[in-house]
Amino acid sequence: FVSSRRDWLFHVLWKPSPDVLSEIEKTQQFGKGPWEWTGIEPVDTHTAVDAAGNKYHIHKKELKNYPGWNVVYLHDHKAVSTNINKPLFKSTGYILISLAFIISLSVVFLYKKANYDIIMRQRAEEALRESEQQLKAMTITDELTGLSNRRGFFMLAEQQLKIAARHKKVAFLVYADLDDLKKINDTAGHQAGDQALMDVGDILRKTYRKSDIIARIGGDEFAVFLVDFAADLPEIITSHLQRNIDIYNMANKGGSALSVSIGTASWDPQHPCDLDELIAHADTVMYEQKKHKKSE
């Protein structure tokens, strides 16, 4: 069977009936084969020519159900030559364009990935700094009152002492102790005791400046470190604290009254001492006041 359709190279489009086969056999008996019908003569197993001298490439496919029979597909030689030459350039062009496109995508992807990595690293560093700040705040902050704890107080107050020494300024320490905390815990419960400590912390915040260092440095002990104030005002500073305590007690008549013993100590740049000595001096003054209250 001879076909000029390329798809016959791949598919058998119809199966000849016995009548057709017998007819073909009859024509062969008269000396006419398939090549004679088409006017095309094979030159070799791969090439054929027609009467006009046009060349064709021969493609064959054997029919499995009809042994000895083949579907023959003739492909124009010029078309084959054109397909061999032109697509080579086109395919190369397509390949180059595809490679350029892939490379462009790769560059964009790598650029975006690099930016993404930078952003993620920056976010990780920011998160780490925030965590460090939170951890630092936790290590120097009293959990109950939100004031500085003993460690935070010493760290900040020592820095302020160095500044006071450099600028020849007077510093002042207020040392306060909540009276009868054990009695409050025993009679009203630890929750009431904790509330009393928090209330003292609130009073200290209202009394002193934000720039002052306010801390809970022990169970019932508080300290305030002040720098850059008039040297003739220590008594005013402590009296202002006592007045705020009295205001609190007047407003809280239904609850337990707060009693706070207060001691003070001044730091003189002409006669400097370390922070421990300053606290010890203020603590001595505070206990003298506490004893005086008990004797009344």
Protein backbone atom coordinates (compact mmCIF):
# COMPACT_ATOMS: atom_id res chain seq x y z
CA PHE A 1 0.00 0.00 0.00
CA VAL A 2 1.48 3.39 -0.92
CA SER A 3 0.50 6.58 0.94
CA SER A 4 1.56 10.24 0.83
CA ARG A 5 0.16 10.79 4.32
CA ARG A 6 2.70 10.91 7.09
CA ASP A 7 0.35 9.48 9.73
CA TRP A 8 0.24 6.18 7.84
CA LEU A 9 3.78 5.69 9.03
CA PHE A 10 2.35 5.30 12.50
CA HIS A 11 -1.17 3.96 12.10
CA VAL A 12 -2.92 1.42 9.90
CA LEU A 13 -6.00 3.37 8.91
CA TRP A 14 -7.89 0.47 7.36
CA LYS A 15 -7.55 -3.24 6.90
CA PRO A 16 -8.00 -4.55 3.34
CA SER A 17 -10.86 -6.97 2.86
CA PRO A 18 -10.32 -10.37 1.22
CA ASP A 19 -11.87 -8.99 -2.02
CA VAL A 20 -9.33 -6.17 -2.15
CA LEU A 21 -6.49 -8.57 -1.49
CA SER A 22 -7.66 -10.87 -4.27
CA GLU A 23 -7.94 -7.88 -6.62
CA ILE A 24 -4.39 -6.83 -5.81
CA GLU A 25 -3.23 -10.39 -6.37
CA LYS A 26 -4.95 -10.33 -9.81
CA THR A 27 -3.18 -7.12 -10.81
CA GLN A 28 0.11 -8.60 -9.74
CA GLN A 29 -0.63 -11.59 -11.96
CA PHE A 30 -0.81 -9.15 -14.87
CA GLY A 31 2.60 -7.71 -13.92
CA LYS A 32 1.47 -4.49 -12.19
CA GLY A 33 2.91 -3.94 -8.73
CA PRO A 34 2.30 -1.06 -6.34
CA TRP A 35 5.20 1.03 -7.65
CA GLU A 36 3.81 0.84 -11.20
CA TRP A 37 0.45 2.18 -9.99
CA THR A 38 2.03 5.35 -8.56
CA GLY A 39 4.43 6.10 -11.35
CA ILE A 40 7.23 6.15 -8.81
CA GLU A 41 10.20 3.81 -9.02
CA PRO A 42 12.45 2.88 -6.10
CA VAL A 43 16.13 3.75 -6.56
CA ASP A 44 17.23 1.88 -3.43
CA THR A 45 15.68 0.71 -0.20
CA HIS A 46 15.42 4.30 1.10
CA THR A 47 14.90 6.47 -2.01
CA ALA A 48 12.41 6.62 -4.92
CA VAL A 49 11.89 8.96 -7.90
CA ASP A 50 8.86 9.86 -10.01
CA ALA A 51 8.70 10.56 -13.73
CA ALA A 52 9.52 14.24 -13.16
CA GLY A 53 12.70 13.32 -11.32
CA ASN A 54 11.41 14.30 -7.86
CA LYS A 55 12.99 12.33 -5.09
CA TYR A 56 11.17 10.74 -2.16
CA HIS A 57 12.33 9.10 1.03
CA ILE A 58 10.76 5.70 1.60
CA HIS A 59 9.31 4.84 5.02
CA LYS A 60 7.78 1.43 5.58
CA LYS A 61 5.65 -0.09 8.31
CA GLU A 62 4.93 -3.81 8.33
CA LEU A 63 1.31 -4.90 8.82
CA LYS A 64 1.30 -7.34 11.71
CA ASN A 65 -1.95 -8.97 10.70
CA TYR A 66 -0.84 -9.39 7.07
CA PRO A 67 2.65 -10.90 6.91
CA GLY A 68 4.61 -9.75 3.90
CA TRP A 69 2.49 -6.59 3.44
CA ASN A 70 3.78 -3.08 4.27
CA VAL A 71 2.38 0.42 4.43
CA VAL A 72 4.77 2.66 2.53
CA TYR A 73 5.03 6.39 3.23
CA LEU A 74 6.83 8.61 0.68
CA HIS A 75 8.29 11.81 2.07
CA ASP A 76 9.31 14.57 -0.34
CA HIS A 77 13.12 14.87 -0.43
CA LYS A 78 13.06 18.68 -0.53
CA ALA A 79 10.86 18.84 2.53
CA VAL A 80 13.21 16.47 4.32
CA SER A 81 16.22 18.60 3.36
CA THR A 82 14.43 21.75 4.50
CA ASN A 83 13.44 20.09 7.77
CA ILE A 84 17.00 18.96 8.29
CA ASN A 85 18.47 22.43 7.79
CA LYS A 86 15.96 25.04 8.98
CA PRO A 87 14.81 23.48 12.21
CA LEU A 88 18.44 23.16 13.21
CA PHE A 89 18.71 26.93 13.31
CA LYS A 90 15.25 27.31 14.78
CA SER A 91 15.85 24.63 17.38
CA THR A 92 19.14 26.22 18.31
CA GLY A 93 17.40 29.57 18.60
CA TYR A 94 14.67 28.05 20.70
CA ILE A 95 17.28 26.39 22.89
CA LEU A 96 19.21 29.64 23.34
CA ILE A 97 16.04 31.58 24.11
CA SER A 98 14.95 28.87 26.54
CA LEU A 99 18.36 28.88 28.21
CA ALA A 100 18.29 32.68 28.47
CA PHE A 101 14.81 32.51 29.98
CA ILE A 102 15.85 29.82 32.45
CA ILE A 103 18.98 31.77 33.40
CA SER A 104 16.90 34.94 33.88
CA LEU A 105 14.47 33.06 36.09
CA SER A 106 17.39 31.58 38.02
CA VAL A 107 18.94 35.02 38.56
CA VAL A 108 15.60 36.45 39.72
CA PHE A 109 15.05 33.45 42.00
CA LEU A 110 18.55 33.71 43.48
CA TYR A 111 18.13 37.47 43.94
CA LYS A 112 14.78 37.02 45.67
CA LYS A 113 16.16 34.16 47.75
CA ALA A 114 19.14 36.32 48.78
CA ASN A 115 16.78 39.14 49.79
CA TYR A 116 14.56 36.65 51.61
CA ASP A 117 17.58 35.25 53.45
CA ILE A 118 18.68 38.77 54.44
CA ILE A 119 15.19 39.68 55.65
CA MET A 120 14.86 36.44 57.60
CA ARG A 121 18.31 36.94 59.15
CA GLN A 122 17.38 40.51 60.14
CA ARG A 123 14.13 39.29 61.67
CA ALA A 124 15.99 36.56 63.54
CA GLU A 125 18.50 39.12 64.85
CA GLU A 126 15.69 41.45 65.92
CA ALA A 127 13.89 38.59 67.66
CA LEU A 128 17.16 37.65 69.39
CA ARG A 129 17.69 41.24 70.56
CA GLU A 130 14.12 41.44 71.85
CA SER A 131 14.58 38.12 73.66
CA GLU A 132 17.83 39.36 75.17
CA GLN A 133 16.16 42.60 76.27
CA GLN A 134 13.25 40.69 77.77
CA LEU A 135 15.62 38.30 79.51
CA LYS A 136 17.69 41.20 80.75
CA ALA A 137 14.56 42.95 82.00
CA MET A 138 13.49 39.75 83.75
CA THR A 139 16.86 39.41 85.49
CA ILE A 140 16.84 43.00 86.85
CA THR A 141 13.11 43.42 87.51
CA ASP A 142 11.11 42.42 90.57
CA GLU A 143 8.28 40.21 89.37
CA LEU A 144 5.77 41.25 92.04
CA THR A 145 6.07 45.05 91.96
CA GLY A 146 7.57 45.65 88.51
CA LEU A 147 10.34 47.75 90.12
CA SER A 148 14.03 47.01 89.73
CA ASN A 149 15.23 44.11 91.87
CA ARG A 150 18.39 44.14 94.01
CA ARG A 151 20.61 43.22 91.08
CA GLY A 152 19.06 45.87 88.86
CA PHE A 153 19.33 48.49 91.60
CA PHE A 154 23.04 47.91 92.17
CA MET A 155 23.78 47.86 88.44
CA LEU A 156 21.94 51.14 87.74
CA ALA A 157 22.87 52.95 90.96
CA GLU A 158 26.59 52.25 90.52
CA GLN A 159 26.41 53.75 87.04
CA GLN A 160 24.72 56.85 88.49
CA LEU A 161 27.38 57.08 91.22
CA LYS A 162 30.10 57.20 88.56
CA ILE A 163 28.23 59.99 86.75
CA ALA A 164 27.77 61.90 90.02
CA ALA A 165 31.49 61.55 90.79
CA ARG A 166 32.48 62.74 87.30
CA HIS A 167 30.21 65.81 87.47
CA LYS A 168 30.76 66.48 91.18
CA LYS A 169 27.07 66.10 92.03
CA VAL A 170 25.41 65.11 95.28
CA ALA A 171 23.42 61.85 95.34
CA PHE A 172 20.76 60.78 97.78
CA LEU A 173 19.47 57.40 98.95
CA VAL A 174 16.05 56.67 100.45
CA TYR A 175 15.78 53.33 102.23
CA ALA A 176 12.23 52.22 103.15
CA ASP A 177 10.95 49.16 104.97
CA LEU A 178 7.30 48.04 105.08
CA ASP A 179 6.43 47.62 108.76
CA ASP A 180 4.72 44.49 110.07
CA LEU A 181 4.70 42.55 106.78
CA LYS A 182 4.78 39.26 108.70
CA LYS A 183 1.73 40.36 110.72
CA ILE A 184 -0.18 41.21 107.52
CA ASN A 185 0.67 37.78 106.07
CA ASP A 186 -0.36 35.96 109.25
CA THR A 187 -3.64 37.80 109.79
CA ALA A 188 -4.85 38.61 106.29
CA GLY A 189 -2.93 36.09 104.20
CA HIS A 190 0.02 36.26 101.80
CA GLN A 191 -2.15 37.72 99.07
CA ALA A 192 -2.82 40.75 101.28
CA GLY A 193 0.91 40.95 102.06
CA ASP A 194 1.76 40.91 98.34
CA GLN A 195 -0.83 43.62 97.73
CA ALA A 196 0.72 45.77 100.45
CA LEU A 197 4.15 45.43 98.79
CA MET A 198 2.68 46.38 95.41
CA ASP A 199 0.93 49.39 96.97
CA VAL A 200 4.22 50.61 98.46
CA GLY A 201 5.79 50.26 95.01
CA ASP A 202 3.00 52.35 93.49
CA ILE A 203 3.43 55.06 96.15
CA LEU A 204 7.17 55.22 95.46
CA ARG A 205 6.51 55.63 91.73
CA LYS A 206 4.08 58.51 92.41
CA THR A 207 6.51 60.18 94.79
CA TYR A 208 9.75 60.14 92.79
CA ARG A 209 10.84 60.99 89.25
CA LYS A 210 11.06 58.54 86.37
CA SER A 211 14.77 59.29 86.20
CA ASP A 212 15.23 58.10 89.79
CA ILE A 213 16.13 54.46 90.43
CA ILE A 214 13.35 52.78 92.43
CA ALA A 215 13.78 49.17 93.54
CA ARG A 216 12.57 46.43 95.82
CA ILE A 217 15.87 45.07 97.11
CA GLY A 218 14.56 42.58 99.69
CA GLY A 219 11.41 40.96 101.04
CA ASP A 220 9.99 44.14 102.61
CA GLU A 221 12.80 46.58 101.76
CA PHE A 222 12.77 49.29 99.11
CA ALA A 223 15.41 51.77 97.94
CA VAL A 224 15.36 54.93 95.83
CA PHE A 225 18.55 56.45 94.42
CA LEU A 226 18.38 60.10 93.35
CA VAL A 227 20.96 62.22 91.50
CA ASP A 228 20.88 65.83 90.37
CA PHE A 229 18.68 67.45 92.99
CA ALA A 230 19.07 70.42 95.33
CA ALA A 231 21.29 69.43 98.25
CA ASP A 232 19.06 71.23 100.76
CA LEU A 233 15.96 69.14 99.92
CA PRO A 234 16.48 65.68 101.58
CA GLU A 235 13.89 66.40 104.26
CA ILE A 236 11.38 67.51 101.63
CA ILE A 237 12.00 64.28 99.68
CA THR A 238 11.22 62.06 102.67
CA SER A 239 8.30 64.17 103.91
CA HIS A 240 6.74 63.99 100.45
CA LEU A 241 6.91 60.18 100.62
CA GLN A 242 5.31 60.13 104.09
CA ARG A 243 2.53 62.44 102.93
CA ASN A 244 1.68 60.11 100.02
CA ILE A 245 1.56 57.16 102.44
CA ASP A 246 -0.86 59.08 104.66
CA ILE A 247 -3.04 59.94 101.65
CA TYR A 248 -3.14 56.25 100.71
CA ASN A 249 -4.21 55.24 104.24
CA MET A 250 -6.97 57.84 104.32
CA ALA A 251 -8.35 56.56 101.01
CA ASN A 252 -8.06 52.94 102.15
CA LYS A 253 -9.93 53.11 105.46
CA GLY A 254 -11.60 49.75 104.94
CA GLY A 255 -8.25 47.97 104.43
CA SER A 256 -4.99 47.56 106.30
CA ALA A 257 -3.06 50.78 106.86
CA LEU A 258 0.48 50.95 105.51
CA SER A 259 3.34 51.86 107.78
CA VAL A 260 6.77 52.44 106.27
CA SER A 261 10.01 53.19 108.14
CA ILE A 262 12.35 55.46 106.21
CA GLY A 263 16.10 56.00 106.38
CA THR A 264 18.22 58.31 104.22
CA ALA A 265 21.87 58.83 103.34
CA SER A 266 23.65 61.45 101.23
CA TRP A 267 26.61 60.86 98.93
CA ASP A 268 29.07 63.73 98.84
CA PRO A 269 31.57 63.94 95.96
CA GLN A 270 34.02 65.58 98.35
CA HIS A 271 33.80 62.57 100.70
CA PRO A 272 32.79 59.66 98.42
CA CYS A 273 31.88 56.14 99.57
CA ASP A 274 30.72 53.04 97.76
CA LEU A 275 27.09 51.99 97.36
CA ASP A 276 27.21 49.31 100.07
CA GLU A 277 28.39 51.88 102.64
CA LEU A 278 25.65 54.28 101.55
CA ILE A 279 22.97 51.57 101.96
CA ALA A 280 24.37 50.54 105.34
CA HIS A 281 24.15 54.11 106.59
CA ALA A 282 20.55 54.55 105.34
CA ASP A 283 19.60 51.17 106.81
CA THR A 284 20.88 52.23 110.22
CA VAL A 285 18.78 55.40 110.11
CA MET A 286 15.73 53.40 109.01
CA TYR A 287 15.99 50.91 111.90
CA GLU A 288 16.32 53.77 114.37
CA GLN A 289 13.00 55.10 113.09
CA LYS A 290 11.45 51.62 113.29
CA LYS A 291 12.54 51.26 116.91
CA HIS A 292 11.16 54.66 117.72
CA LYS A 293 7.74 53.62 116.30
CA LYS A 294 7.66 50.48 118.39
CA SER A 295 8.48 52.38 121.56
CA GLU A 296 5.54 54.72 121.07
